[in-house]
Amino acid sequence: MRRPRMQVVIPAHRAAADIGACIAGLLRAGFAPGDVVVVDDASSDGTAEIAKRAGVAVIRNGANMGAAASRNAGAAAGTSDVIVFVDADVVVAPDTRAVIERVLENPGVAAVFGAYDTAPMVTKTVSRFRNLLHRHTHVSHAGDVTSFWTGLGAVRRADFESVGGFDSSQRMMEDVKFGMALARAGRRIVLCPDLQGTHRKGWSLAGMIRTDLLHRAIPWARLLRSEGAAMPRALATDLGARISVLSVLAMLVSVLAAFWAPLAALAGLGICGAVLIAANWAFLRGLAGIGGLRLTLAAIPLLAVHYFCGGLGYAWVLVTPRR
């Protein structure tokens, strides 16, 4: 059987610190420089120059167009059988090409995406927590899904073009919307945890809150509302996540109630904390095996912050007018 021709598309905006490592990882995984296209989205640093020195093709946007438009431009520049999308701050595993080929051997599979590995580059507590939580969300939903992820994902060109690629008007969650369009068209999408990459991004607590609320919860809730998607079918909105949101909101009520009934509030806070831990037990247990007790204990309040942002974002969309 002929091996499918693959083209890698990397949208990059001010990615000089990461693009070299990203390209090097792809070359180690068996992609030739001619298979890789970097779409420089009007960067003001040396992103394009670093990519050119690595021998890969570079497309430069005259103005900042966003990741969706950049991915579409990169895809349009090739004629491969399969388009592989990789974020500029991800270093793919050496077996990446082999895993994609293995999954796409099944002609019924239109697209596949993977997950971060267990060793994010930045080892500070918030960064490890946030990257490993993202990984857990993907790994725990392995199999057929109705979403897509461009951090490390591949799609057959014919299927990509059949739904019109990414919605370039979407500045966030464009990959999720693309996955929904594929699924609605009857195409099969597989989440394969064997397809892995190392995330080089560092997270601060303020950055995590901003991203979880403004870049994920609010746009995701708007997308789910506009697309008419059922909440349980989204990766980050399963039953455990919704129980976690409710437990965190109940924690806040308990804290406020402490002014009138401190003992009852303390009991309520303990119960809600236990519910949060139970709902996230699989993640916390896995985290203990990777980062030990210290990281696991730190993860509990960070989970509360994460789910509070999720609940606040979803509530905001519920009470605001439709666009």
Foldseek 3Di string as FASTA:
>chain_A
DDQFQEAEEEEDAQLVVQQLLQVVLVVLLPDDLARYEYEYQPHPDCNQVSNVVVPHHYHYDPHRQADQVRRVVRLVVDDTQKYKFAYSQWRWHSNQSVVQRVVVVPVQAFKEFAAADQCAPDDDLVQNLVRLVRRCLLVVPFFWAQFFDRNTMMGGSVLCPVLPHFDSVDNARRRRVSSNSSVVVVGTYGYDHVGYIHGHDDDDLVRLLCCLQPRNQQVVLLSCVVVVPDQCRDSCRHPLLVLLLVLLVQLVVLVVCCVPPVVVSVVSNVVSLVSNCVSCVVSLVVCCVSPNDVSSVVSSVVSSSSSPSNVVSNVVNVPDDRD
